[in-house]
PDB file of all heavy atoms in Angstrom:
ATOM      1  N   GLN A   1     190.240 116.927  40.769  1.00  0.00           N
ATOM      2  CA  GLN A   1     190.330 117.780  39.589  1.00  0.00           C
ATOM      3  C   GLN A   1     191.441 117.282  38.674  1.00  0.00           C
ATOM      4  O   GLN A   1     192.342 116.549  39.103  1.00  0.00           O
ATOM      5  CB  GLN A   1     190.547 119.244  39.981  1.00  0.00           C
ATOM      6  CG  GLN A   1     191.786 119.520  40.804  1.00  0.00           C
ATOM      7  CD  GLN A   1     191.784 120.931  41.362  1.00  0.00           C
ATOM      8  OE1 GLN A   1     190.952 121.275  42.201  1.00  0.00           O
ATOM      9  NE2 GLN A   1     192.725 121.749  40.873  1.00  0.00           N
ATOM     10  N   HIS A   2     191.386 117.712  37.404  1.00  0.00           N
ATOM     11  CA  HIS A   2     192.217 117.100  36.367  1.00  0.00           C
ATOM     12  C   HIS A   2     193.704 117.336  36.545  1.00  0.00           C
ATOM     13  O   HIS A   2     194.529 116.554  36.072  1.00  0.00           O
ATOM     14  CB  HIS A   2     191.775 117.606  34.986  1.00  0.00           C
ATOM     15  CG  HIS A   2     192.220 119.006  34.696  1.00  0.00           C
ATOM     16  ND1 HIS A   2     193.428 119.285  34.093  1.00  0.00           N
ATOM     17  CD2 HIS A   2     191.630 120.197  34.964  1.00  0.00           C
ATOM     18  CE1 HIS A   2     193.551 120.601  33.978  1.00  0.00           C
ATOM     19  NE2 HIS A   2     192.473 121.177  34.497  1.00  0.00           N
ATOM     20  N   ASN A   3     194.091 118.395  37.220  1.00  0.00           N
ATOM     21  CA  ASN A   3     195.516 118.739  37.272  1.00  0.00           C
ATOM     22  C   ASN A   3     196.184 118.394  38.598  1.00  0.00           C
ATOM     23  O   ASN A   3     197.282 118.873  38.888  1.00  0.00           O
ATOM     24  CB  ASN A   3     195.716 120.226  36.951  1.00  0.00           C
ATOM     25  CG  ASN A   3     194.961 121.128  37.910  1.00  0.00           C
ATOM     26  OD1 ASN A   3     194.162 120.661  38.718  1.00  0.00           O
ATOM     27  ND2 ASN A   3     195.211 122.430  37.808  1.00  0.00           N
ATOM     28  N   VAL A   4     195.502 117.591  39.405  1.00  0.00           N
ATOM     29  CA  VAL A   4     196.058 117.187  40.696  1.00  0.00           C
ATOM     30  C   VAL A   4     196.213 115.665  40.730  1.00  0.00           C
ATOM     31  O   VAL A   4     195.253 114.936  40.474  1.00  0.00           O
ATOM     32  CB  VAL A   4     195.161 117.648  41.864  1.00  0.00           C
ATOM     33  CG1 VAL A   4     195.735 117.160  43.192  1.00  0.00           C
ATOM     34  CG2 VAL A   4     195.015 119.168  41.860  1.00  0.00           C
ATOM     35  N   ILE A   5     197.416 115.205  41.051  1.00  0.00           N
ATOM     36  CA  ILE A   5     197.634 113.767  41.232  1.00  0.00           C
ATOM     37  C   ILE A   5     196.800 113.309  42.429  1.00  0.00           C
ATOM     38  O   ILE A   5     196.931 113.855  43.533  1.00  0.00           O
ATOM     39  CB  ILE A   5     199.128 113.472  41.499  1.00  0.00           C
ATOM     40  CG1 ILE A   5     199.993 113.932  40.320  1.00  0.00           C
ATOM     41  CG2 ILE A   5     199.339 111.993  41.800  1.00  0.00           C
ATOM     42  CD1 ILE A   5     199.744 113.159  39.046  1.00  0.00           C
ATOM     43  N   PRO A   6     195.921 112.326  42.256  1.00  0.00           N
ATOM     44  CA  PRO A   6     195.059 111.911  43.369  1.00  0.00           C
ATOM     45  C   PRO A   6     195.851 111.190  44.453  1.00  0.00           C
ATOM     46  O   PRO A   6     196.680 110.315  44.164  1.00  0.00           O
ATOM     47  CB  PRO A   6     194.055 110.977  42.703  1.00  0.00           C
ATOM     48  CG  PRO A   6     194.738 110.462  41.488  1.00  0.00           C
ATOM     49  CD  PRO A   6     195.635 111.568  41.021  1.00  0.00           C
ATOM     50  N   ASP A   7     195.616 111.618  45.679  1.00  0.00           N
ATOM     51  CA  ASP A   7     196.323 110.992  46.804  1.00  0.00           C
ATOM     52  C   ASP A   7     195.506 109.897  47.476  1.00  0.00           C
ATOM     53  O   ASP A   7     195.975 109.268  48.438  1.00  0.00           O
ATOM     54  CB  ASP A   7     196.720 112.050  47.845  1.00  0.00           C
ATOM     55  CG  ASP A   7     195.514 112.744  48.458  1.00  0.00           C
ATOM     56  OD1 ASP A   7     194.380 112.521  47.988  1.00  0.00           O
ATOM     57  OD2 ASP A   7     195.710 113.524  49.411  1.00  0.00           O
ATOM     58  N   LEU A   8     194.297 109.656  46.997  1.00  0.00           N
ATOM     59  CA  LEU A   8     193.446 108.616  47.586  1.00  0.00           C
ATOM     60  C   LEU A   8     192.589 107.979  46.505  1.00  0.00           C
ATOM     61  O   LEU A   8     191.983 108.686  45.689  1.00  0.00           O
ATOM     62  CB  LEU A   8     192.544 109.212  48.676  1.00  0.00           C
ATOM     63  CG  LEU A   8     191.564 108.254  49.364  1.00  0.00           C
ATOM     64  CD1 LEU A   8     192.322 107.197  50.181  1.00  0.00           C
ATOM     65  CD2 LEU A   8     190.584 109.019  50.258  1.00  0.00           C
ATOM     66  N   CYS A   9     192.539 106.667  46.501  1.00  0.00           N
ATOM     67  CA  CYS A   9     191.628 105.932  45.620  1.00  0.00           C
ATOM     68  C   CYS A   9     190.826 104.964  46.490  1.00  0.00           C
ATOM     69  O   CYS A   9     191.396 104.206  47.284  1.00  0.00           O
ATOM     70  CB  CYS A   9     192.379 105.171  44.544  1.00  0.00           C
ATOM     71  SG  CYS A   9     191.286 104.342  43.358  1.00  0.00           S
ATOM     72  N   GLU A  10     189.510 105.028  46.358  1.00  0.00           N
ATOM     73  CA  GLU A  10     188.623 104.156  47.128  1.00  0.00           C
ATOM     74  C   GLU A  10     187.836 103.266  46.163  1.00  0.00           C
ATOM     75  O   GLU A  10     187.393 103.725  45.107  1.00  0.00           O
ATOM     76  CB  GLU A  10     187.660 104.999  47.972  1.00  0.00           C
ATOM     77  CG  GLU A  10     188.372 105.878  48.982  1.00  0.00           C
ATOM     78  CD  GLU A  10     187.418 106.834  49.689  1.00  0.00           C
ATOM     79  OE1 GLU A  10     186.863 107.708  48.976  1.00  0.00           O
ATOM     80  OE2 GLU A  10     187.235 106.704  50.904  1.00  0.00           O
ATOM     81  N   PHE A  11     187.684 102.024  46.521  1.00  0.00           N
ATOM     82  CA  PHE A  11     186.874 101.132  45.697  1.00  0.00           C
ATOM     83  C   PHE A  11     186.127 100.141  46.581  1.00  0.00           C
ATOM     84  O   PHE A  11     186.457  99.965  47.763  1.00  0.00           O
ATOM     85  CB  PHE A  11     187.719 100.413  44.638  1.00  0.00           C
ATOM     86  CG  PHE A  11     188.924  99.671  45.142  1.00  0.00           C
ATOM     87  CD1 PHE A  11     188.853  98.317  45.440  1.00  0.00           C
ATOM     88  CD2 PHE A  11     190.151 100.321  45.291  1.00  0.00           C
ATOM     89  CE1 PHE A  11     189.968  97.621  45.885  1.00  0.00           C
ATOM     90  CE2 PHE A  11     191.271  99.630  45.738  1.00  0.00           C
ATOM     91  CZ  PHE A  11     191.183  98.281  46.037  1.00  0.00           C
ATOM     92  N   THR A  12     185.112  99.536  45.988  1.00  0.00           N
ATOM     93  CA  THR A  12     184.246  98.609  46.720  1.00  0.00           C
ATOM     94  C   THR A  12     184.327  97.232  46.096  1.00  0.00           C
ATOM     95  O   THR A  12     184.319  97.088  44.868  1.00  0.00           O
ATOM     96  CB  THR A  12     182.783  99.107  46.700  1.00  0.00           C
ATOM     97  OG1 THR A  12     182.731 100.401  47.312  1.00  0.00           O
ATOM     98  CG2 THR A  12     181.870  98.156  47.460  1.00  0.00           C
ATOM     99  N   LEU A  13     184.402  96.223  46.941  1.00  0.00           N
ATOM    100  CA  LEU A  13     184.448  94.833  46.498  1.00  0.00           C
ATOM    101  C   LEU A  13     183.189  94.103  46.929  1.00  0.00           C
ATOM    102  O   LEU A  13     182.759  94.211  48.079  1.00  0.00           O
ATOM    103  CB  LEU A  13     185.672  94.120  47.085  1.00  0.00           C
ATOM    104  CG  LEU A  13     187.032  94.739  46.794  1.00  0.00           C
ATOM    105  CD1 LEU A  13     188.133  93.947  47.488  1.00  0.00           C
ATOM    106  CD2 LEU A  13     187.281  94.818  45.298  1.00  0.00           C
ATOM    107  N   ASP A  14     182.595  93.382  45.995  1.00  0.00           N
ATOM    108  CA  ASP A  14     181.445  92.523  46.261  1.00  0.00           C
ATOM    109  C   ASP A  14     181.972  91.086  46.264  1.00  0.00           C
ATOM    110  O   ASP A  14     182.465  90.595  45.253  1.00  0.00           O
ATOM    111  CB  ASP A  14     180.394  92.722  45.163  1.00  0.00           C
ATOM    112  CG  ASP A  14     179.173  91.835  45.340  1.00  0.00           C
ATOM    113  OD1 ASP A  14     179.297  90.604  45.197  1.00  0.00           O
ATOM    114  OD2 ASP A  14     178.081  92.374  45.585  1.00  0.00           O
ATOM    115  N   VAL A  15     181.875  90.421  47.416  1.00  0.00           N
ATOM    116  CA  VAL A  15     182.413  89.067  47.554  1.00  0.00           C
ATOM    117  C   VAL A  15     181.272  88.097  47.836  1.00  0.00           C
ATOM    118  O   VAL A  15     180.579  88.234  48.853  1.00  0.00           O
ATOM    119  CB  VAL A  15     183.460  88.986  48.694  1.00  0.00           C
ATOM    120  CG1 VAL A  15     184.195  87.646  48.633  1.00  0.00           C
ATOM    121  CG2 VAL A  15     184.444  90.142  48.617  1.00  0.00           C
ATOM    122  N   ARG A  16     181.044  87.160  46.928  1.00  0.00           N
ATOM    123  CA  ARG A  16     180.014  86.140  47.092  1.00  0.00           C
ATOM    124  C   ARG A  16     180.697  84.886  47.635  1.00  0.00           C
ATOM    125  O   ARG A  16     181.420  84.187  46.941  1.00  0.00           O
ATOM    126  CB  ARG A  16     179.318  85.865  45.760  1.00  0.00           C
ATOM    127  CG  ARG A  16     178.654  87.113  45.171  1.00  0.00           C
ATOM    128  CD  ARG A  16     177.501  87.603  46.032  1.00  0.00           C
ATOM    129  NE  ARG A  16     177.079  88.951  45.670  1.00  0.00           N
ATOM    130  CZ  ARG A  16     175.825  89.391  45.804  1.00  0.00           C
ATOM    131  NH1 ARG A  16     174.897  88.601  46.304  1.00  0.00           N
ATOM    132  NH2 ARG A  16     175.512  90.628  45.478  1.00  0.00           N
ATOM    133  N   VAL A  17     180.464  84.638  48.916  1.00  0.00           N
ATOM    134  CA  VAL A  17     181.239  83.659  49.670  1.00  0.00           C
ATOM    135  C   VAL A  17     180.509  82.319  49.727  1.00  0.00           C
ATOM    136  O   VAL A  17     179.335  82.260  50.133  1.00  0.00           O
ATOM    137  CB  VAL A  17     181.506  84.180  51.099  1.00  0.00           C
ATOM    138  CG1 VAL A  17     182.377  83.199  51.878  1.00  0.00           C
ATOM    139  CG2 VAL A  17     182.176  85.557  51.046  1.00  0.00           C
ATOM    140  N   THR A  18     181.185  81.257  49.339  1.00  0.00           N
ATOM    141  CA  THR A  18     180.581  79.926  49.380  1.00  0.00           C
ATOM    142  C   THR A  18     180.677  79.339  50.788  1.00  0.00           C
ATOM    143  O   THR A  18     181.347  79.890  51.673  1.00  0.00           O
ATOM    144  CB  THR A  18     181.266  78.962  48.406  1.00  0.00           C
ATOM    145  OG1 THR A  18     182.547  78.596  48.937  1.00  0.00           O
ATOM    146  CG2 THR A  18     181.437  79.596  47.033  1.00  0.00           C
ATOM    147  N   ASP A  19     180.051  78.169  50.944  1.00  0.00           N
ATOM    148  CA  ASP A  19     180.071  77.495  52.242  1.00  0.00           C
ATOM    149  C   ASP A  19     181.443  76.923  52.584  1.00  0.00           C
ATOM    150  O   ASP A  19     181.642  76.404  53.686  1.00  0.00           O
ATOM    151  CB  ASP A  19     179.023  76.386  52.273  1.00  0.00           C
ATOM    152  CG  ASP A  19     179.206  75.383  51.148  1.00  0.00           C
ATOM    153  OD1 ASP A  19     179.164  75.801  49.975  1.00  0.00           O
ATOM    154  OD2 ASP A  19     179.388  74.184  51.424  1.00  0.00           O
ATOM    155  N   ALA A  20     182.409  77.027  51.668  1.00  0.00           N
ATOM    156  CA  ALA A  20     183.776  76.591  51.972  1.00  0.00           C
ATOM    157  C   ALA A  20     184.480  77.571  52.907  1.00  0.00           C
ATOM    158  O   ALA A  20     185.535  77.247  53.470  1.00  0.00           O
ATOM    159  CB  ALA A  20     184.577  76.437  50.676  1.00  0.00           C
ATOM    160  N   TYR A  21     183.924  78.772  53.060  1.00  0.00           N
ATOM    161  CA  TYR A  21     184.530  79.816  53.881  1.00  0.00           C
ATOM    162  C   TYR A  21     183.505  80.439  54.823  1.00  0.00           C
ATOM    163  O   TYR A  21     182.317  80.548  54.487  1.00  0.00           O
ATOM    164  CB  TYR A  21     185.059  80.961  52.999  1.00  0.00           C
ATOM    165  CG  TYR A  21     186.293  80.664  52.205  1.00  0.00           C
ATOM    166  CD1 TYR A  21     186.205  80.097  50.935  1.00  0.00           C
ATOM    167  CD2 TYR A  21     187.551  80.975  52.711  1.00  0.00           C
ATOM    168  CE1 TYR A  21     187.350  79.842  50.192  1.00  0.00           C
ATOM    169  CE2 TYR A  21     188.704  80.727  51.970  1.00  0.00           C
ATOM    170  CZ  TYR A  21     188.588  80.154  50.709  1.00  0.00           C
ATOM    171  OH  TYR A  21     189.722  79.906  49.980  1.00  0.00           O
ATOM    172  N   THR A  22     183.984  80.905  55.966  1.00  0.00           N
ATOM    173  CA  THR A  22     183.242  81.917  56.708  1.00  0.00           C
ATOM    174  C   THR A  22     183.590  83.266  56.091  1.00  0.00           C
ATOM    175  O   THR A  22     184.591  83.389  55.364  1.00  0.00           O
ATOM    176  CB  THR A  22     183.633  81.933  58.202  1.00  0.00           C
ATOM    177  OG1 THR A  22     185.007  82.326  58.318  1.00  0.00           O
ATOM    178  CG2 THR A  22     183.423  80.557  58.839  1.00  0.00           C
ATOM    179  N   LEU A  23     182.810  84.281  56.369  1.00  0.00           N
ATOM    180  CA  LEU A  23     183.137  85.612  55.855  1.00  0.00           C
ATOM    181  C   LEU A  23     184.492  86.077  56.377  1.00  0.00           C
ATOM    182  O   LEU A  23     185.267  86.715  55.653  1.00  0.00           O
ATOM    183  CB  LEU A  23     182.050  86.617  56.258  1.00  0.00           C
ATOM    184  CG  LEU A  23     180.631  86.370  55.739  1.00  0.00           C
ATOM    185  CD1 LEU A  23     179.746  87.566  56.067  1.00  0.00           C
ATOM    186  CD2 LEU A  23     180.598  86.093  54.247  1.00  0.00           C
ATOM    187  N   GLU A  24     184.768  85.741  57.621  1.00  0.00           N
ATOM    188  CA  GLU A  24     186.035  86.155  58.221  1.00  0.00           C
ATOM    189  C   GLU A  24     187.223  85.508  57.497  1.00  0.00           C
ATOM    190  O   GLU A  24     188.244  86.156  57.242  1.00  0.00           O
ATOM    191  CB  GLU A  24     186.052  85.766  59.707  1.00  0.00           C
ATOM    192  CG  GLU A  24     185.088  86.548  60.582  1.00  0.00           C
ATOM    193  CD  GLU A  24     183.646  86.051  60.520  1.00  0.00           C
ATOM    194  OE1 GLU A  24     183.376  85.040  59.827  1.00  0.00           O
ATOM    195  OE2 GLU A  24     182.777  86.673  61.158  1.00  0.00           O
ATOM    196  N   GLU A  25     187.092  84.236  57.151  1.00  0.00           N
ATOM    197  CA  GLU A  25     188.170  83.538  56.442  1.00  0.00           C
ATOM    198  C   GLU A  25     188.388  84.116  55.045  1.00  0.00           C
ATOM    199  O   GLU A  25     189.533  84.309  54.609  1.00  0.00           O
ATOM    200  CB  GLU A  25     187.839  82.051  56.343  1.00  0.00           C
ATOM    201  CG  GLU A  25     187.908  81.314  57.679  1.00  0.00           C
ATOM    202  CD  GLU A  25     187.331  79.911  57.592  1.00  0.00           C
ATOM    203  OE1 GLU A  25     186.558  79.623  56.646  1.00  0.00           O
ATOM    204  OE2 GLU A  25     187.639  79.100  58.488  1.00  0.00           O
ATOM    205  N   ALA A  26     187.286  84.388  54.337  1.00  0.00           N
ATOM    206  CA  ALA A  26     187.400  84.969  53.001  1.00  0.00           C
ATOM    207  C   ALA A  26     188.055  86.344  53.071  1.00  0.00           C
ATOM    208  O   ALA A  26     188.901  86.696  52.223  1.00  0.00           O
ATOM    209  CB  ALA A  26     186.025  85.067  52.348  1.00  0.00           C
ATOM    210  N   PHE A  27     187.677  87.127  54.068  1.00  0.00           N
ATOM    211  CA  PHE A  27     188.254  88.457  54.237  1.00  0.00           C
ATOM    212  C   PHE A  27     189.766  88.375  54.466  1.00  0.00           C
ATOM    213  O   PHE A  27     190.543  89.117  53.850  1.00  0.00           O
ATOM    214  CB  PHE A  27     187.582  89.178  55.406  1.00  0.00           C
ATOM    215  CG  PHE A  27     188.147  90.546  55.695  1.00  0.00           C
ATOM    216  CD1 PHE A  27     187.835  91.614  54.886  1.00  0.00           C
ATOM    217  CD2 PHE A  27     188.992  90.742  56.781  1.00  0.00           C
ATOM    218  CE1 PHE A  27     188.358  92.878  55.141  1.00  0.00           C
ATOM    219  CE2 PHE A  27     189.523  91.987  57.044  1.00  0.00           C
ATOM    220  CZ  PHE A  27     189.205  93.064  56.222  1.00  0.00           C
ATOM    221  N   GLU A  28     190.192  87.470  55.329  1.00  0.00           N
ATOM    222  CA  GLU A  28     191.609  87.354  55.635  1.00  0.00           C
ATOM    223  C   GLU A  28     192.413  86.894  54.419  1.00  0.00           C
ATOM    224  O   GLU A  28     193.540  87.354  54.205  1.00  0.00           O
ATOM    225  CB  GLU A  28     191.822  86.389  56.810  1.00  0.00           C
ATOM    226  CG  GLU A  28     191.369  86.942  58.152  1.00  0.00           C
ATOM    227  CD  GLU A  28     192.063  88.232  58.543  1.00  0.00           C
ATOM    228  OE1 GLU A  28     193.286  88.354  58.272  1.00  0.00           O
ATOM    229  OE2 GLU A  28     191.406  89.127  59.103  1.00  0.00           O
ATOM    230  N   GLU A  29     191.841  86.008  53.605  1.00  0.00           N
ATOM    231  CA  GLU A  29     192.552  85.554  52.411  1.00  0.00           C
ATOM    232  C   GLU A  29     192.742  86.698  51.415  1.00  0.00           C
ATOM    233  O   GLU A  29     193.813  86.851  50.823  1.00  0.00           O
ATOM    234  CB  GLU A  29     191.807  84.389  51.758  1.00  0.00           C
ATOM    235  CG  GLU A  29     192.613  83.706  50.663  1.00  0.00           C
ATOM    236  CD  GLU A  29     192.033  82.369  50.243  1.00  0.00           C
ATOM    237  OE1 GLU A  29     191.572  81.613  51.115  1.00  0.00           O
ATOM    238  OE2 GLU A  29     192.047  82.088  49.026  1.00  0.00           O
ATOM    239  N   LEU A  30     191.705  87.516  51.242  1.00  0.00           N
ATOM    240  CA  LEU A  30     191.831  88.687  50.369  1.00  0.00           C
ATOM    241  C   LEU A  30     192.834  89.688  50.931  1.00  0.00           C
ATOM    242  O   LEU A  30     193.680  90.232  50.209  1.00  0.00           O
ATOM    243  CB  LEU A  30     190.474  89.365  50.216  1.00  0.00           C
ATOM    244  CG  LEU A  30     189.588  88.983  49.047  1.00  0.00           C
ATOM    245  CD1 LEU A  30     188.265  89.736  49.127  1.00  0.00           C
ATOM    246  CD2 LEU A  30     190.280  89.283  47.715  1.00  0.00           C
ATOM    247  N   LYS A  31     192.738  89.918  52.211  1.00  0.00           N
ATOM    248  CA  LYS A  31     193.591  90.916  52.876  1.00  0.00           C
ATOM    249  C   LYS A  31     195.071  90.578  52.693  1.00  0.00           C
ATOM    250  O   LYS A  31     195.912  91.480  52.554  1.00  0.00           O
ATOM    251  CB  LYS A  31     193.228  90.980  54.361  1.00  0.00           C
ATOM    252  CG  LYS A  31     193.908  92.086  55.146  1.00  0.00           C
ATOM    253  CD  LYS A  31     193.412  92.091  56.583  1.00  0.00           C
ATOM    254  CE  LYS A  31     194.111  93.155  57.402  1.00  0.00           C
ATOM    255  NZ  LYS A  31     193.639  93.137  58.818  1.00  0.00           N
ATOM    256  N   SER A  32     195.383  89.291  52.680  1.00  0.00           N
ATOM    257  CA  SER A  32     196.782  88.878  52.552  1.00  0.00           C
ATOM    258  C   SER A  32     197.346  89.125  51.153  1.00  0.00           C
ATOM    259  O   SER A  32     198.565  89.104  50.961  1.00  0.00           O
ATOM    260  CB  SER A  32     196.912  87.392  52.894  1.00  0.00           C
ATOM    261  OG  SER A  32     196.308  86.576  51.895  1.00  0.00           O
ATOM    262  N   LYS A  33     196.464  89.384  50.167  1.00  0.00           N
ATOM    263  CA  LYS A  33     196.901  89.525  48.780  1.00  0.00           C
ATOM    264  C   LYS A  33     196.854  90.967  48.269  1.00  0.00           C
ATOM    265  O   LYS A  33     197.416  91.270  47.211  1.00  0.00           O
ATOM    266  CB  LYS A  33     196.033  88.661  47.867  1.00  0.00           C
ATOM    267  CG  LYS A  33     196.063  87.174  48.197  1.00  0.00           C
ATOM    268  CD  LYS A  33     197.421  86.564  47.918  1.00  0.00           C
ATOM    269  CE  LYS A  33     197.412  85.061  48.141  1.00  0.00           C
ATOM    270  NZ  LYS A  33     198.725  84.442  47.873  1.00  0.00           N
ATOM    271  N   LEU A  34     196.192  91.860  48.988  1.00  0.00           N
ATOM    272  CA  LEU A  34     195.983  93.221  48.495  1.00  0.00           C
ATOM    273  C   LEU A  34     196.741  94.242  49.334  1.00  0.00           C
ATOM    274  O   LEU A  34     196.969  94.051  50.530  1.00  0.00           O
ATOM    275  CB  LEU A  34     194.486  93.547  48.496  1.00  0.00           C
ATOM    276  CG  LEU A  34     193.576  92.614  47.681  1.00  0.00           C
ATOM    277  CD1 LEU A  34     192.131  93.054  47.782  1.00  0.00           C
ATOM    278  CD2 LEU A  34     194.023  92.547  46.225  1.00  0.00           C
ATOM    279  N   LYS A  35     197.100  95.364  48.714  1.00  0.00           N
ATOM    280  CA  LYS A  35     197.827  96.432  49.394  1.00  0.00           C
ATOM    281  C   LYS A  35     196.890  97.436  50.055  1.00  0.00           C
ATOM    282  O   LYS A  35     197.274  98.142  50.981  1.00  0.00           O
ATOM    283  CB  LYS A  35     198.732  97.156  48.394  1.00  0.00           C
ATOM    284  CG  LYS A  35     199.806  96.265  47.775  1.00  0.00           C
ATOM    285  CD  LYS A  35     200.573  97.008  46.697  1.00  0.00           C
ATOM    286  CE  LYS A  35     201.617  96.093  46.038  1.00  0.00           C
ATOM    287  NZ  LYS A  35     202.314  96.778  44.924  1.00  0.00           N
ATOM    288  N   ALA A  36     195.674  97.530  49.557  1.00  0.00           N
ATOM    289  CA  ALA A  36     194.725  98.520  50.072  1.00  0.00           C
ATOM    290  C   ALA A  36     194.329  98.205  51.514  1.00  0.00           C
ATOM    291  O   ALA A  36     194.395  97.049  51.961  1.00  0.00           O
ATOM    292  CB  ALA A  36     193.489  98.561  49.186  1.00  0.00           C
ATOM    293  N   GLU A  37     193.891  99.233  52.200  1.00  0.00           N
ATOM    294  CA  GLU A  37     193.300  99.058  53.529  1.00  0.00           C
ATOM    295  C   GLU A  37     191.852  98.601  53.336  1.00  0.00           C
ATOM    296  O   GLU A  37     191.067  99.282  52.686  1.00  0.00           O
ATOM    297  CB  GLU A  37     193.351 100.376  54.299  1.00  0.00           C
ATOM    298  CG  GLU A  37     192.709 100.317  55.674  1.00  0.00           C
ATOM    299  CD  GLU A  37     192.660 101.668  56.353  1.00  0.00           C
ATOM    300  OE1 GLU A  37     193.490 102.551  56.002  1.00  0.00           O
ATOM    301  OE2 GLU A  37     191.777 101.859  57.216  1.00  0.00           O
ATOM    302  N   LEU A  38     191.498  97.456  53.890  1.00  0.00           N
ATOM    303  CA  LEU A  38     190.181  96.864  53.672  1.00  0.00           C
ATOM    304  C   LEU A  38     189.336  96.959  54.933  1.00  0.00           C
ATOM    305  O   LEU A  38     189.800  96.652  56.035  1.00  0.00           O
ATOM    306  CB  LEU A  38     190.320  95.391  53.267  1.00  0.00           C
ATOM    307  CG  LEU A  38     191.202  95.069  52.057  1.00  0.00           C
ATOM    308  CD1 LEU A  38     191.181  93.572  51.777  1.00  0.00           C
ATOM    309  CD2 LEU A  38     190.760  95.858  50.833  1.00  0.00           C
ATOM    310  N   THR A  39     188.079  97.357  54.742  1.00  0.00           N
ATOM    311  CA  THR A  39     187.136  97.442  55.865  1.00  0.00           C
ATOM    312  C   THR A  39     185.835  96.762  55.477  1.00  0.00           C
ATOM    313  O   THR A  39     185.134  97.229  54.563  1.00  0.00           O
ATOM    314  CB  THR A  39     186.848  98.908  56.236  1.00  0.00           C
ATOM    315  OG1 THR A  39     188.070  99.585  56.516  1.00  0.00           O
ATOM    316  CG2 THR A  39     185.926  98.980  57.445  1.00  0.00           C
ATOM    317  N   PRO A  40     185.478  95.661  56.126  1.00  0.00           N
ATOM    318  CA  PRO A  40     184.199  94.999  55.801  1.00  0.00           C
ATOM    319  C   PRO A  40     183.024  95.807  56.345  1.00  0.00           C
ATOM    320  O   PRO A  40     183.096  96.334  57.464  1.00  0.00           O
ATOM    321  CB  PRO A  40     184.311  93.648  56.506  1.00  0.00           C
ATOM    322  CG  PRO A  40     185.260  93.880  57.632  1.00  0.00           C
ATOM    323  CD  PRO A  40     186.215  94.942  57.174  1.00  0.00           C
ATOM    324  N   ARG A  41     181.957  95.904  55.559  1.00  0.00           N
ATOM    325  CA  ARG A  41     180.773  96.627  56.030  1.00  0.00           C
ATOM    326  C   ARG A  41     180.012  95.822  57.076  1.00  0.00           C
ATOM    327  O   ARG A  41     179.412  96.383  57.992  1.00  0.00           O
ATOM    328  CB  ARG A  41     179.858  96.940  54.857  1.00  0.00           C
ATOM    329  CG  ARG A  41     180.422  97.966  53.895  1.00  0.00           C
ATOM    330  CD  ARG A  41     179.418  98.350  52.828  1.00  0.00           C
ATOM    331  NE  ARG A  41     180.017  99.228  51.830  1.00  0.00           N
ATOM    332  CZ  ARG A  41     179.375  99.676  50.757  1.00  0.00           C
ATOM    333  NH1 ARG A  41     178.112  99.329  50.534  1.00  0.00           N
ATOM    334  NH2 ARG A  41     180.000 100.468  49.897  1.00  0.00           N
ATOM    335  N   SER A  42     179.983  94.506  56.904  1.00  0.00           N
ATOM    336  CA  SER A  42     179.211  93.658  57.804  1.00  0.00           C
ATOM    337  C   SER A  42     179.738  92.236  57.725  1.00  0.00           C
ATOM    338  O   SER A  42     180.245  91.806  56.687  1.00  0.00           O
ATOM    339  CB  SER A  42     177.730  93.686  57.414  1.00  0.00           C
ATOM    340  OG  SER A  42     176.997  92.690  58.111  1.00  0.00           O
TER     341      SER A  42
END
């Protein structure tokens, strides 16, 4: 609601991964740069 400072922000990232990375490697590189808690769907 408009008058409450939000205590949670959620967002979704779409990552198109090239053959230079495994998904796990790409995830770890992103994780090292961001403050958010990241959870891969698959």
